[in-house]
Amino acid sequence: MRLLNALILSLSFGLVQCSILLPRDDPLQQLSLSSDADSYKIPSVHESAIMARRILRLESIGTTSTVFPHDTSNLHGAPAGIEGQPIGLMEYFADCETSTGNPTLLAVAIATSFKNVAAGSNITLSVRYHAPKSARMTPAALPRFSLMGHLEDIRDVDVEKGDITKCYRTYHPDAFWTPERILAGFPWMCGRT
């Protein structure tokens, strides 16, 4: 995989974990799979996947986790002993590939996560649901999940056909660093499991 200065990436992941317990009489109804207001149960794998997909559409910031390569000679300023250590960093993502469910990311080659991916690391995206303040719930009681996968190119024709740039900017209007704005000529990328 080539990783240049700026790339748009989409991640295709297998669902790793989805921990969900939702009360039925509050703003979390948008994630609810049951009309029974008194039903509390551990969701099935299928239900968890549906809720994770809904959360992916509602949220736009997650934590990417990668592992430092065993050869850090290419990593400018990497401290000694960092080889093989995991790191998690906040990243923007957007739900721009609705047909596949793959989150789309803007990968800047100088970012640690994407340097590690270029060196061969897989990548994990962890996302949590942020309930409205009126829900008054502890974050520990809210749904969250992790997706594991890797990154691949998004073909230019798919970028144009899917209007990836417009979609990404809808989620992140402050994303002035997209390739068309200041880093023209760099390819878009996507991920698969």
Foldseek 3Di string as FASTA:
>chain_A
DDDAQKAKEWAAFDWDDKFAWDQCPDPVVVLDPDPPRPDTDTDDPVSSVSSVLVQQQVDFKWKKKKAAAQDCPVPPPDDPPRHGPMDIDMFTWHQLPVVRSIIMGMDGCNDPRNVRLVVPIWMKTKGWHDGPVVVVDDSVNGIITMTTWHKFFDDPVNCVVSVVVVRSCVNPVPCCPHCVRPNPPDTYMYIHD
